[in-house]
């Protein structure tokens, strides 16, 4: 029954499939990409409708600055919002396993974190 169901199992932690690759690699592995698709479901930037297949994996702490290629340092962003994060004043973090975006003070003086909830809708 499972063979015909089209179910794609995603292993979040397992010694045989490395999901955290540290500094050995800059680019995400296919396994990491599938896990990011399952977690973020598309561009994680608040309000963005772009699906996961239109996104890049972004290092929250840039690889060039010592950031790791680990799931807790990665987020899916479409090209437009990837540029926004690199050139703007928005900050990204993983909080309780999900990406959050902290707006600059000129957008929200309290800098309350926001998430993209569009992809969570049924």
PDB file of N, CA and C in Angstrom:
ATOM      1  N   UNK A   1       0.821  -1.192   0.000  1.00  0.00           N
ATOM      2  CA  UNK A   1       0.000   0.000   0.000  1.00  0.00           C
ATOM      3  C   UNK A   1       0.866   1.258   0.000  1.00  0.00           C
ATOM      4  N   UNK A   2       1.922   1.286   0.831  1.00  0.00           N
ATOM      5  CA  UNK A   2       2.802   2.451   0.876  1.00  0.00           C
ATOM      6  C   UNK A   2       3.545   2.646  -0.437  1.00  0.00           C
ATOM      7  N   UNK A   3       3.874   1.564  -1.125  1.00  0.00           N
ATOM      8  CA  UNK A   3       4.611   1.676  -2.379  1.00  0.00           C
ATOM      9  C   UNK A   3       3.810   2.429  -3.429  1.00  0.00           C
ATOM     10  N   UNK A   4       2.495   2.288  -3.418  1.00  0.00           N
ATOM     11  CA  UNK A   4       1.641   2.931  -4.405  1.00  0.00           C
ATOM     12  C   UNK A   4       1.119   4.287  -3.957  1.00  0.00           C
ATOM     13  N   UNK A   5       1.402   4.680  -2.733  1.00  0.00           N
ATOM     14  CA  UNK A   5       0.819   5.907  -2.190  1.00  0.00           C
ATOM     15  C   UNK A   5       1.548   7.164  -2.619  1.00  0.00           C
ATOM     16  N   UNK A   6       2.755   7.057  -3.149  1.00  0.00           N
ATOM     17  CA  UNK A   6       3.505   8.249  -3.534  1.00  0.00           C
ATOM     18  C   UNK A   6       4.016   9.034  -2.344  1.00  0.00           C
ATOM     19  N   UNK A   7       4.270   8.359  -1.244  1.00  0.00           N
ATOM     20  CA  UNK A   7       4.767   9.010  -0.029  1.00  0.00           C
ATOM     21  C   UNK A   7       6.281   9.131  -0.121  1.00  0.00           C
ATOM     22  N   UNK A   8       6.795  10.316   0.173  1.00  0.00           N
ATOM     23  CA  UNK A   8       8.234  10.536   0.199  1.00  0.00           C
ATOM     24  C   UNK A   8       8.665  10.666   1.653  1.00  0.00           C
ATOM     25  N   UNK A   9       9.317   9.637   2.195  1.00  0.00           N
ATOM     26  CA  UNK A   9       9.766   9.755   3.588  1.00  0.00           C
ATOM     27  C   UNK A   9      10.944  10.715   3.682  1.00  0.00           C
ATOM     28  N   UNK A  10      10.954  11.514   4.742  1.00  0.00           N
ATOM     29  CA  UNK A  10      12.061  12.438   4.972  1.00  0.00           C
ATOM     30  C   UNK A  10      12.631  12.139   6.345  1.00  0.00           C
ATOM     31  N   UNK A  11      13.899  11.757   6.367  1.00  0.00           N
ATOM     32  CA  UNK A  11      14.585  11.429   7.607  1.00  0.00           C
ATOM     33  C   UNK A  11      15.218  12.706   8.130  1.00  0.00           C
ATOM     34  N   UNK A  12      14.795  13.142   9.306  1.00  0.00           N
ATOM     35  CA  UNK A  12      15.299  14.394   9.853  1.00  0.00           C
ATOM     36  C   UNK A  12      16.677  14.238  10.490  1.00  0.00           C
ATOM     37  N   UNK A  13      16.945  13.136  11.111  1.00  0.00           N
ATOM     38  CA  UNK A  13      18.254  12.873  11.716  1.00  0.00           C
ATOM     39  C   UNK A  13      18.531  11.381  11.575  1.00  0.00           C
ATOM     40  N   UNK A  14      19.648  11.055  10.986  1.00  0.00           N
ATOM     41  CA  UNK A  14      19.989   9.651  10.805  1.00  0.00           C
ATOM     42  C   UNK A  14      21.468   9.571  10.476  1.00  0.00           C
ATOM     43  N   UNK A  15      22.193   8.639  11.062  1.00  0.00           N
ATOM     44  CA  UNK A  15      23.628   8.556  10.790  1.00  0.00           C
ATOM     45  C   UNK A  15      23.949   8.249   9.327  1.00  0.00           C
ATOM     46  N   UNK A  16      23.042   7.588   8.609  1.00  0.00           N
ATOM     47  CA  UNK A  16      23.356   7.206   7.231  1.00  0.00           C
ATOM     48  C   UNK A  16      23.110   8.321   6.217  1.00  0.00           C
ATOM     49  N   UNK A  17      22.335   9.337   6.589  1.00  0.00           N
ATOM     50  CA  UNK A  17      22.069  10.457   5.682  1.00  0.00           C
ATOM     51  C   UNK A  17      22.476  11.742   6.388  1.00  0.00           C
ATOM     52  N   UNK A  18      23.612  12.312   6.022  1.00  0.00           N
ATOM     53  CA  UNK A  18      24.058  13.520   6.721  1.00  0.00           C
ATOM     54  C   UNK A  18      23.239  14.746   6.324  1.00  0.00           C
ATOM     55  N   UNK A  19      22.470  15.268   7.272  1.00  0.00           N
ATOM     56  CA  UNK A  19      21.700  16.473   7.018  1.00  0.00           C
ATOM     57  C   UNK A  19      22.454  17.723   7.450  1.00  0.00           C
ATOM     58  N   UNK A  20      23.427  17.578   8.303  1.00  0.00           N
ATOM     59  CA  UNK A  20      24.285  18.684   8.711  1.00  0.00           C
ATOM     60  C   UNK A  20      25.685  18.384   8.193  1.00  0.00           C
ATOM     61  N   UNK A  21      26.187  19.236   7.311  1.00  0.00           N
ATOM     62  CA  UNK A  21      27.493  18.963   6.699  1.00  0.00           C
ATOM     63  C   UNK A  21      28.552  19.973   7.107  1.00  0.00           C
ATOM     64  N   UNK A  22      28.214  20.865   8.027  1.00  0.00           N
ATOM     65  CA  UNK A  22      29.196  21.805   8.563  1.00  0.00           C
ATOM     66  C   UNK A  22      29.840  22.658   7.498  1.00  0.00           C
ATOM     67  N   UNK A  23      31.177  22.710   7.491  1.00  0.00           N
ATOM     68  CA  UNK A  23      31.900  23.547   6.533  1.00  0.00           C
ATOM     69  C   UNK A  23      32.510  22.717   5.414  1.00  0.00           C
ATOM     70  N   UNK A  24      32.240  21.420   5.387  1.00  0.00           N
ATOM     71  CA  UNK A  24      32.784  20.586   4.318  1.00  0.00           C
ATOM     72  C   UNK A  24      32.232  20.990   2.960  1.00  0.00           C
ATOM     73  N   UNK A  25      31.001  21.462   2.925  1.00  0.00           N
ATOM     74  CA  UNK A  25      30.356  21.833   1.665  1.00  0.00           C
ATOM     75  C   UNK A  25      29.674  23.171   1.830  1.00  0.00           C
ATOM     76  N   UNK A  26      29.682  23.962   0.759  1.00  0.00           N
ATOM     77  CA  UNK A  26      28.957  25.230   0.768  1.00  0.00           C
ATOM     78  C   UNK A  26      27.528  25.036   0.280  1.00  0.00           C
ATOM     79  N   UNK A  27      27.354  24.178  -0.711  1.00  0.00           N
ATOM     80  CA  UNK A  27      26.030  23.962  -1.286  1.00  0.00           C
ATOM     81  C   UNK A  27      25.292  22.858  -0.540  1.00  0.00           C
ATOM     82  N   UNK A  28      23.971  22.989  -0.491  1.00  0.00           N
ATOM     83  CA  UNK A  28      23.169  21.992   0.212  1.00  0.00           C
ATOM     84  C   UNK A  28      23.184  20.671  -0.541  1.00  0.00           C
ATOM     85  N   UNK A  29      23.058  19.594   0.202  1.00  0.00           N
ATOM     86  CA  UNK A  29      22.975  18.267  -0.391  1.00  0.00           C
ATOM     87  C   UNK A  29      21.530  18.041  -0.863  1.00  0.00           C
ATOM     88  N   UNK A  30      21.308  17.071  -1.739  1.00  0.00           N
ATOM     89  CA  UNK A  30      19.922  16.763  -2.140  1.00  0.00           C
ATOM     90  C   UNK A  30      19.038  16.407  -0.942  1.00  0.00           C
ATOM     91  N   UNK A  31      19.592  15.724   0.047  1.00  0.00           N
ATOM     92  CA  UNK A  31      18.821  15.367   1.238  1.00  0.00           C
ATOM     93  C   UNK A  31      18.433  16.612   2.040  1.00  0.00           C
ATOM     94  N   UNK A  32      19.376  17.546   2.167  1.00  0.00           N
ATOM     95  CA  UNK A  32      19.085  18.790   2.869  1.00  0.00           C
ATOM     96  C   UNK A  32      18.007  19.576   2.119  1.00  0.00           C
ATOM     97  N   UNK A  33      18.108  19.615   0.807  1.00  0.00           N
ATOM     98  CA  UNK A  33      17.134  20.343  -0.012  1.00  0.00           C
ATOM     99  C   UNK A  33      15.728  19.766   0.199  1.00  0.00           C
ATOM    100  N   UNK A  34      15.612  18.446   0.188  1.00  0.00           N
ATOM    101  CA  UNK A  34      14.303  17.822   0.414  1.00  0.00           C
ATOM    102  C   UNK A  34      13.769  18.156   1.808  1.00  0.00           C
ATOM    103  N   UNK A  35      14.653  18.172   2.793  1.00  0.00           N
ATOM    104  CA  UNK A  35      14.234  18.496   4.153  1.00  0.00           C
ATOM    105  C   UNK A  35      13.818  19.964   4.259  1.00  0.00           C
ATOM    106  N   UNK A  36      14.545  20.864   3.607  1.00  0.00           N
ATOM    107  CA  UNK A  36      14.160  22.278   3.583  1.00  0.00           C
ATOM    108  C   UNK A  36      12.813  22.461   2.886  1.00  0.00           C
ATOM    109  N   UNK A  37      12.570  21.712   1.800  1.00  0.00           N
ATOM    110  CA  UNK A  37      11.272  21.769   1.121  1.00  0.00           C
ATOM    111  C   UNK A  37      10.160  21.366   2.091  1.00  0.00           C
ATOM    112  N   UNK A  38      10.392  20.311   2.850  1.00  0.00           N
ATOM    113  CA  UNK A  38       9.380  19.827   3.795  1.00  0.00           C
ATOM    114  C   UNK A  38       9.145  20.838   4.921  1.00  0.00           C
ATOM    115  N   UNK A  39      10.211  21.484   5.386  1.00  0.00           N
ATOM    116  CA  UNK A  39      10.073  22.440   6.493  1.00  0.00           C
ATOM    117  C   UNK A  39       9.481  23.767   6.034  1.00  0.00           C
ATOM    118  N   UNK A  40      10.079  24.392   5.005  1.00  0.00           N
ATOM    119  CA  UNK A  40       9.678  25.741   4.598  1.00  0.00           C
ATOM    120  C   UNK A  40       8.516  25.743   3.600  1.00  0.00           C
ATOM    121  N   UNK A  41       8.400  24.709   2.784  1.00  0.00           N
ATOM    122  CA  UNK A  41       7.330  24.516   1.808  1.00  0.00           C
ATOM    123  C   UNK A  41       7.315  25.553   0.684  1.00  0.00           C
ATOM    124  N   UNK A  42       8.245  26.447   0.666  1.00  0.00           N
ATOM    125  CA  UNK A  42       8.340  27.500  -0.344  1.00  0.00           C
ATOM    126  C   UNK A  42       9.216  28.608   0.191  1.00  0.00           C
ATOM    127  N   UNK A  43       9.182  29.751  -0.489  1.00  0.00           N
ATOM    128  CA  UNK A  43       9.953  30.898   0.013  1.00  0.00           C
ATOM    129  C   UNK A  43       9.444  31.233   1.409  1.00  0.00           C
ATOM    130  N   UNK A  44      10.355  31.279   2.365  1.00  0.00           N
ATOM    131  CA  UNK A  44       9.984  31.492   3.765  1.00  0.00           C
ATOM    132  C   UNK A  44       9.768  32.961   4.109  1.00  0.00           C
ATOM    133  N   UNK A  45      10.089  33.874   3.181  1.00  0.00           N
ATOM    134  CA  UNK A  45       9.928  35.310   3.444  1.00  0.00           C
ATOM    135  C   UNK A  45       8.450  35.618   3.670  1.00  0.00           C
ATOM    136  N   UNK A  46       8.114  36.398   4.691  1.00  0.00           N
ATOM    137  CA  UNK A  46       6.712  36.672   5.014  1.00  0.00           C
ATOM    138  C   UNK A  46       5.926  37.216   3.821  1.00  0.00           C
ATOM    139  N   UNK A  47       4.802  36.558   3.549  1.00  0.00           N
ATOM    140  CA  UNK A  47       3.906  37.002   2.490  1.00  0.00           C
ATOM    141  C   UNK A  47       4.218  36.487   1.103  1.00  0.00           C
ATOM    142  N   UNK A  48       5.302  35.746   0.923  1.00  0.00           N
ATOM    143  CA  UNK A  48       5.683  35.278  -0.410  1.00  0.00           C
ATOM    144  C   UNK A  48       4.965  33.962  -0.730  1.00  0.00           C
ATOM    145  N   UNK A  49       4.411  33.881  -1.948  1.00  0.00           N
ATOM    146  CA  UNK A  49       3.679  32.693  -2.398  1.00  0.00           C
ATOM    147  C   UNK A  49       4.546  31.732  -3.205  1.00  0.00           C
ATOM    148  N   UNK A  50       5.791  32.087  -3.499  1.00  0.00           N
ATOM    149  CA  UNK A  50       6.606  31.261  -4.401  1.00  0.00           C
ATOM    150  C   UNK A  50       6.851  29.871  -3.825  1.00  0.00           C
ATOM    151  N   UNK A  51       6.658  28.841  -4.670  1.00  0.00           N
ATOM    152  CA  UNK A  51       6.842  27.461  -4.208  1.00  0.00           C
ATOM    153  C   UNK A  51       8.316  27.123  -4.014  1.00  0.00           C
ATOM    154  N   UNK A  52       8.557  26.020  -3.346  1.00  0.00           N
ATOM    155  CA  UNK A  52       9.921  25.596  -3.013  1.00  0.00           C
ATOM    156  C   UNK A  52      10.781  25.404  -4.258  1.00  0.00           C
ATOM    157  N   UNK A  53      10.204  24.944  -5.358  1.00  0.00           N
ATOM    158  CA  UNK A  53      11.007  24.701  -6.562  1.00  0.00           C
ATOM    159  C   UNK A  53      11.557  25.995  -7.166  1.00  0.00           C
ATOM    160  N   UNK A  54      11.061  27.153  -6.750  1.00  0.00           N
ATOM    161  CA  UNK A  54      11.551  28.444  -7.235  1.00  0.00           C
ATOM    162  C   UNK A  54      12.486  29.119  -6.238  1.00  0.00           C
ATOM    163  N   UNK A  55      13.035  28.367  -5.314  1.00  0.00           N
ATOM    164  CA  UNK A  55      13.841  28.970  -4.250  1.00  0.00           C
ATOM    165  C   UNK A  55      15.300  28.517  -4.292  1.00  0.00           C
ATOM    166  N   UNK A  56      16.116  29.271  -3.589  1.00  0.00           N
ATOM    167  CA  UNK A  56      17.509  28.923  -3.327  1.00  0.00           C
ATOM    168  C   UNK A  56      17.635  28.683  -1.826  1.00  0.00           C
ATOM    169  N   UNK A  57      18.596  27.862  -1.456  1.00  0.00           N
ATOM    170  CA  UNK A  57      18.902  27.679  -0.038  1.00  0.00           C
ATOM    171  C   UNK A  57      19.868  28.789   0.376  1.00  0.00           C
ATOM    172  N   UNK A  58      19.478  29.553   1.368  1.00  0.00           N
ATOM    173  CA  UNK A  58      20.252  30.699   1.845  1.00  0.00           C
ATOM    174  C   UNK A  58      20.872  30.373   3.196  1.00  0.00           C
ATOM    175  N   UNK A  59      22.178  30.652   3.333  1.00  0.00           N
ATOM    176  CA  UNK A  59      22.850  30.536   4.626  1.00  0.00           C
ATOM    177  C   UNK A  59      22.465  31.756   5.468  1.00  0.00           C
ATOM    178  N   UNK A  60      21.927  31.537   6.643  1.00  0.00           N
ATOM    179  CA  UNK A  60      21.572  32.650   7.524  1.00  0.00           C
ATOM    180  C   UNK A  60      22.843  33.360   7.976  1.00  0.00           C
ATOM    181  N   UNK A  61      23.780  32.609   8.520  1.00  0.00           N
ATOM    182  CA  UNK A  61      25.127  33.152   8.741  1.00  0.00           C
ATOM    183  C   UNK A  61      25.918  32.706   7.522  1.00  0.00           C
ATOM    184  N   UNK A  62      26.344  33.664   6.725  1.00  0.00           N
ATOM    185  CA  UNK A  62      26.955  33.374   5.427  1.00  0.00           C
ATOM    186  C   UNK A  62      28.126  32.410   5.549  1.00  0.00           C
ATOM    187  N   UNK A  63      28.220  31.532   4.579  1.00  0.00           N
ATOM    188  CA  UNK A  63      29.278  30.530   4.554  1.00  0.00           C
ATOM    189  C   UNK A  63      30.654  31.196   4.573  1.00  0.00           C
ATOM    190  N   UNK A  64      30.799  32.294   3.836  1.00  0.00           N
ATOM    191  CA  UNK A  64      32.074  33.018   3.784  1.00  0.00           C
ATOM    192  C   UNK A  64      32.465  33.593   5.153  1.00  0.00           C
ATOM    193  N   UNK A  65      31.482  33.795   6.016  1.00  0.00           N
ATOM    194  CA  UNK A  65      31.734  34.319   7.363  1.00  0.00           C
ATOM    195  C   UNK A  65      31.804  33.216   8.414  1.00  0.00           C
ATOM    196  N   UNK A  66      31.949  31.970   7.967  1.00  0.00           N
ATOM    197  CA  UNK A  66      32.063  30.854   8.896  1.00  0.00           C
ATOM    198  C   UNK A  66      30.766  30.112   9.162  1.00  0.00           C
ATOM    199  N   UNK A  67      29.696  30.481   8.452  1.00  0.00           N
ATOM    200  CA  UNK A  67      28.414  29.801   8.635  1.00  0.00           C
ATOM    201  C   UNK A  67      28.474  28.360   8.164  1.00  0.00           C
ATOM    202  N   UNK A  68      27.722  27.506   8.828  1.00  0.00           N
ATOM    203  CA  UNK A  68      27.700  26.094   8.506  1.00  0.00           C
ATOM    204  C   UNK A  68      26.597  25.776   7.499  1.00  0.00           C
ATOM    205  N   UNK A  69      26.805  24.730   6.724  1.00  0.00           N
ATOM    206  CA  UNK A  69      25.775  24.262   5.803  1.00  0.00           C
ATOM    207  C   UNK A  69      24.947  23.219   6.544  1.00  0.00           C
ATOM    208  N   UNK A  70      24.243  23.691   7.545  1.00  0.00           N
ATOM    209  CA  UNK A  70      23.389  22.861   8.394  1.00  0.00           C
ATOM    210  C   UNK A  70      21.966  23.393   8.318  1.00  0.00           C
ATOM    211  N   UNK A  71      21.002  22.536   8.581  1.00  0.00           N
ATOM    212  CA  UNK A  71      19.602  22.927   8.463  1.00  0.00           C
ATOM    213  C   UNK A  71      19.222  24.085   9.373  1.00  0.00           C
ATOM    214  N   UNK A  72      19.860  24.183  10.541  1.00  0.00           N
ATOM    215  CA  UNK A  72      19.530  25.285  11.442  1.00  0.00           C
ATOM    216  C   UNK A  72      20.199  26.600  11.040  1.00  0.00           C
ATOM    217  N   UNK A  73      20.905  26.582   9.906  1.00  0.00           N
ATOM    218  CA  UNK A  73      21.518  27.799   9.368  1.00  0.00           C
ATOM    219  C   UNK A  73      21.067  28.051   7.927  1.00  0.00           C
ATOM    220  N   UNK A  74      19.993  27.361   7.508  1.00  0.00           N
ATOM    221  CA  UNK A  74      19.533  27.477   6.125  1.00  0.00           C
ATOM    222  C   UNK A  74      18.057  27.847   6.091  1.00  0.00           C
ATOM    223  N   UNK A  75      17.680  28.556   5.025  1.00  0.00           N
ATOM    224  CA  UNK A  75      16.281  28.917   4.800  1.00  0.00           C
ATOM    225  C   UNK A  75      16.065  29.006   3.294  1.00  0.00           C
ATOM    226  N   UNK A  76      14.877  28.628   2.831  1.00  0.00           N
ATOM    227  CA  UNK A  76      14.559  28.735   1.410  1.00  0.00           C
ATOM    228  C   UNK A  76      14.038  30.133   1.105  1.00  0.00           C
ATOM    229  N   UNK A  77      14.624  30.754   0.085  1.00  0.00           N
ATOM    230  CA  UNK A  77      14.202  32.085  -0.354  1.00  0.00           C
ATOM    231  C   UNK A  77      14.142  32.124  -1.867  1.00  0.00           C
ATOM    232  N   UNK A  78      13.116  32.773  -2.418  1.00  0.00           N
ATOM    233  CA  UNK A  78      13.068  32.999  -3.859  1.00  0.00           C
ATOM    234  C   UNK A  78      14.142  34.031  -4.200  1.00  0.00           C
ATOM    235  N   UNK A  79      14.451  34.175  -5.484  1.00  0.00           N
ATOM    236  CA  UNK A  79      15.540  35.083  -5.873  1.00  0.00           C
ATOM    237  C   UNK A  79      15.312  36.515  -5.387  1.00  0.00           C
ATOM    238  N   UNK A  80      14.076  36.995  -5.511  1.00  0.00           N
ATOM    239  CA  UNK A  80      13.779  38.372  -5.092  1.00  0.00           C
ATOM    240  C   UNK A  80      14.066  38.567  -3.605  1.00  0.00           C
ATOM    241  N   UNK A  81      13.572  37.661  -2.783  1.00  0.00           N
ATOM    242  CA  UNK A  81      13.753  37.825  -1.344  1.00  0.00           C
ATOM    243  C   UNK A  81      15.154  37.440  -0.891  1.00  0.00           C
ATOM    244  N   UNK A  82      15.836  36.607  -1.656  1.00  0.00           N
ATOM    245  CA  UNK A  82      17.246  36.316  -1.377  1.00  0.00           C
ATOM    246  C   UNK A  82      18.057  37.613  -1.515  1.00  0.00           C
ATOM    247  N   UNK A  83      17.795  38.368  -2.581  1.00  0.00           N
ATOM    248  CA  UNK A  83      18.470  39.664  -2.758  1.00  0.00           C
ATOM    249  C   UNK A  83      18.083  40.640  -1.652  1.00  0.00           C
ATOM    250  N   UNK A  84      16.798  40.626  -1.269  1.00  0.00           N
ATOM    251  CA  UNK A  84      16.332  41.522  -0.198  1.00  0.00           C
ATOM    252  C   UNK A  84      17.096  41.264   1.092  1.00  0.00           C
ATOM    253  N   UNK A  85      17.289  40.002   1.431  1.00  0.00           N
ATOM    254  CA  UNK A  85      18.001  39.663   2.664  1.00  0.00           C
ATOM    255  C   UNK A  85      19.470  40.068   2.573  1.00  0.00           C
ATOM    256  N   UNK A  86      20.088  39.871   1.403  1.00  0.00           N
ATOM    257  CA  UNK A  86      21.505  40.218   1.255  1.00  0.00           C
ATOM    258  C   UNK A  86      21.739  41.720   1.223  1.00  0.00           C
ATOM    259  N   UNK A  87      20.803  42.469   0.692  1.00  0.00           N
ATOM    260  CA  UNK A  87      21.029  43.909   0.516  1.00  0.00           C
ATOM    261  C   UNK A  87      20.254  44.776   1.494  1.00  0.00           C
ATOM    262  N   UNK A  88      19.323  44.200   2.227  1.00  0.00           N
ATOM    263  CA  UNK A  88      18.484  44.990   3.120  1.00  0.00           C
ATOM    264  C   UNK A  88      18.878  44.862   4.567  1.00  0.00           C
ATOM    265  N   UNK A  89      17.997  45.361   5.398  1.00  0.00           N
ATOM    266  CA  UNK A  89      18.256  45.371   6.838  1.00  0.00           C
ATOM    267  C   UNK A  89      17.471  44.296   7.583  1.00  0.00           C
ATOM    268  N   UNK A  90      16.812  43.402   6.849  1.00  0.00           N
ATOM    269  CA  UNK A  90      16.078  42.304   7.481  1.00  0.00           C
ATOM    270  C   UNK A  90      17.060  41.293   8.061  1.00  0.00           C
ATOM    271  N   UNK A  91      16.681  40.678   9.164  1.00  0.00           N
ATOM    272  CA  UNK A  91      17.469  39.606   9.770  1.00  0.00           C
ATOM    273  C   UNK A  91      16.651  38.322   9.727  1.00  0.00           C
ATOM    274  N   UNK A  92      17.338  37.197   9.654  1.00  0.00           N
ATOM    275  CA  UNK A  92      16.685  35.892   9.630  1.00  0.00           C
ATOM    276  C   UNK A  92      17.250  35.058  10.772  1.00  0.00           C
ATOM    277  N   UNK A  93      16.385  34.241  11.365  1.00  0.00           N
ATOM    278  CA  UNK A  93      16.831  33.303  12.387  1.00  0.00           C
ATOM    279  C   UNK A  93      15.910  32.080  12.339  1.00  0.00           C
ATOM    280  N   UNK A  94      16.387  31.002  12.896  1.00  0.00           N
ATOM    281  CA  UNK A  94      15.564  29.813  13.081  1.00  0.00           C
ATOM    282  C   UNK A  94      15.159  29.808  14.547  1.00  0.00           C
ATOM    283  N   UNK A  95      13.860  29.820  14.788  1.00  0.00           N
ATOM    284  CA  UNK A  95      13.336  29.836  16.151  1.00  0.00           C
ATOM    285  C   UNK A  95      12.351  28.687  16.288  1.00  0.00           C
ATOM    286  N   UNK A  96      12.585  27.811  17.245  1.00  0.00           N
ATOM    287  CA  UNK A  96      11.763  26.624  17.463  1.00  0.00           C
ATOM    288  C   UNK A  96      11.610  25.810  16.173  1.00  0.00           C
ATOM    289  N   UNK A  97      12.717  25.727  15.432  1.00  0.00           N
ATOM    290  CA  UNK A  97      12.764  24.905  14.233  1.00  0.00           C
ATOM    291  C   UNK A  97      12.204  25.526  12.965  1.00  0.00           C
ATOM    292  N   UNK A  98      11.723  26.777  13.031  1.00  0.00           N
ATOM    293  CA  UNK A  98      11.143  27.429  11.855  1.00  0.00           C
ATOM    294  C   UNK A  98      11.786  28.794  11.609  1.00  0.00           C
ATOM    295  N   UNK A  99      11.874  29.192  10.330  1.00  0.00           N
ATOM    296  CA  UNK A  99      12.479  30.490  10.023  1.00  0.00           C
ATOM    297  C   UNK A  99      11.591  31.659  10.443  1.00  0.00           C
ATOM    298  N   UNK A 100      12.227  32.664  11.031  1.00  0.00           N
ATOM    299  CA  UNK A 100      11.569  33.915  11.392  1.00  0.00           C
ATOM    300  C   UNK A 100      12.369  35.064  10.809  1.00  0.00           C
ATOM    301  N   UNK A 101      11.674  36.123  10.474  1.00  0.00           N
ATOM    302  CA  UNK A 101      12.295  37.295   9.879  1.00  0.00           C
ATOM    303  C   UNK A 101      12.047  38.487  10.779  1.00  0.00           C
ATOM    304  N   UNK A 102      13.118  39.212  11.060  1.00  0.00           N
ATOM    305  CA  UNK A 102      13.037  40.378  11.940  1.00  0.00           C
ATOM    306  C   UNK A 102      13.172  41.616  11.060  1.00  0.00           C
ATOM    307  N   UNK A 103      12.099  42.420  10.997  1.00  0.00           N
ATOM    308  CA  UNK A 103      12.132  43.592  10.123  1.00  0.00           C
ATOM    309  C   UNK A 103      13.030  44.688  10.681  1.00  0.00           C
ATOM    310  N   UNK A 104      13.521  45.567   9.799  1.00  0.00           N
ATOM    311  CA  UNK A 104      14.305  46.712  10.288  1.00  0.00           C
ATOM    312  C   UNK A 104      13.413  47.650  11.097  1.00  0.00           C
ATOM    313  N   UNK A 105      14.036  48.476  11.925  1.00  0.00           N
ATOM    314  CA  UNK A 105      13.285  49.383  12.800  1.00  0.00           C
ATOM    315  C   UNK A 105      12.403  50.356  12.029  1.00  0.00           C
ATOM    316  N   UNK A 106      12.786  50.737  10.825  1.00  0.00           N
ATOM    317  CA  UNK A 106      11.966  51.678  10.073  1.00  0.00           C
ATOM    318  C   UNK A 106      10.668  51.034   9.576  1.00  0.00           C
ATOM    319  N   UNK A 107      10.600  49.723   9.551  1.00  0.00           N
ATOM    320  CA  UNK A 107       9.353  49.026   9.207  1.00  0.00           C
ATOM    321  C   UNK A 107       8.563  48.713  10.474  1.00  0.00           C
ATOM    322  N   UNK A 108       9.238  48.214  11.491  1.00  0.00           N
ATOM    323  CA  UNK A 108       8.601  47.893  12.777  1.00  0.00           C
ATOM    324  C   UNK A 108       9.545  48.326  13.888  1.00  0.00           C
ATOM    325  N   UNK A 109       9.223  49.431  14.578  1.00  0.00           N
ATOM    326  CA  UNK A 109      10.108  49.917  15.645  1.00  0.00           C
ATOM    327  C   UNK A 109      10.362  48.886  16.742  1.00  0.00           C
ATOM    328  N   UNK A 110       9.425  47.940  16.927  1.00  0.00           N
ATOM    329  CA  UNK A 110       9.583  46.911  17.958  1.00  0.00           C
ATOM    330  C   UNK A 110      10.320  45.689  17.428  1.00  0.00           C
ATOM    331  N   UNK A 111      10.515  45.626  16.128  1.00  0.00           N
ATOM    332  CA  UNK A 111      11.203  44.525  15.454  1.00  0.00           C
ATOM    333  C   UNK A 111      10.681  43.159  15.888  1.00  0.00           C
ATOM    334  N   UNK A 112       9.356  43.007  15.824  1.00  0.00           N
ATOM    335  CA  UNK A 112       8.736  41.732  16.175  1.00  0.00           C
ATOM    336  C   UNK A 112       8.960  40.724  15.055  1.00  0.00           C
ATOM    337  N   UNK A 113       9.417  39.517  15.366  1.00  0.00           N
ATOM    338  CA  UNK A 113       9.663  38.501  14.342  1.00  0.00           C
ATOM    339  C   UNK A 113       8.361  38.089  13.648  1.00  0.00           C
ATOM    340  N   UNK A 114       8.461  37.828  12.346  1.00  0.00           N
ATOM    341  CA  UNK A 114       7.300  37.380  11.566  1.00  0.00           C
ATOM    342  C   UNK A 114       7.683  36.131  10.777  1.00  0.00           C
ATOM    343  N   UNK A 115       6.678  35.309  10.493  1.00  0.00           N
ATOM    344  CA  UNK A 115       6.866  34.090   9.707  1.00  0.00           C
ATOM    345  C   UNK A 115       5.948  34.129   8.501  1.00  0.00           C
ATOM    346  N   UNK A 116       6.305  33.367   7.505  1.00  0.00           N
ATOM    347  CA  UNK A 116       5.421  33.183   6.354  1.00  0.00           C
ATOM    348  C   UNK A 116       4.456  32.058   6.692  1.00  0.00           C
ATOM    349  N   UNK A 117       3.180  32.374   6.781  1.00  0.00           N
ATOM    350  CA  UNK A 117       2.173  31.357   7.101  1.00  0.00           C
ATOM    351  C   UNK A 117       1.389  30.934   5.867  1.00  0.00           C
ATOM    352  N   UNK A 118       1.693  31.498   4.710  1.00  0.00           N
ATOM    353  CA  UNK A 118       0.962  31.175   3.475  1.00  0.00           C
ATOM    354  C   UNK A 118       1.093  29.697   3.133  1.00  0.00           C
ATOM    355  N   UNK A 119       2.279  29.140   3.256  1.00  0.00           N
ATOM    356  CA  UNK A 119       2.502  27.755   2.865  1.00  0.00           C
ATOM    357  C   UNK A 119       1.921  26.756   3.865  1.00  0.00           C
ATOM    358  N   UNK A 120       1.474  27.237   5.014  1.00  0.00           N
ATOM    359  CA  UNK A 120       0.888  26.358   6.019  1.00  0.00           C
ATOM    360  C   UNK A 120      -0.596  26.113   5.773  1.00  0.00           C
ATOM    361  N   UNK A 121      -1.196  26.899   4.881  1.00  0.00           N
ATOM    362  CA  UNK A 121      -2.623  26.731   4.587  1.00  0.00           C
ATOM    363  C   UNK A 121      -2.865  25.436   3.829  1.00  0.00           C
ATOM    364  N   UNK A 122      -4.015  24.772   4.108  1.00  0.00           N
ATOM    365  CA  UNK A 122      -4.302  23.506   3.405  1.00  0.00           C
ATOM    366  C   UNK A 122      -4.605  23.705   1.940  1.00  0.00           C
TER     367      UNK A 122
END
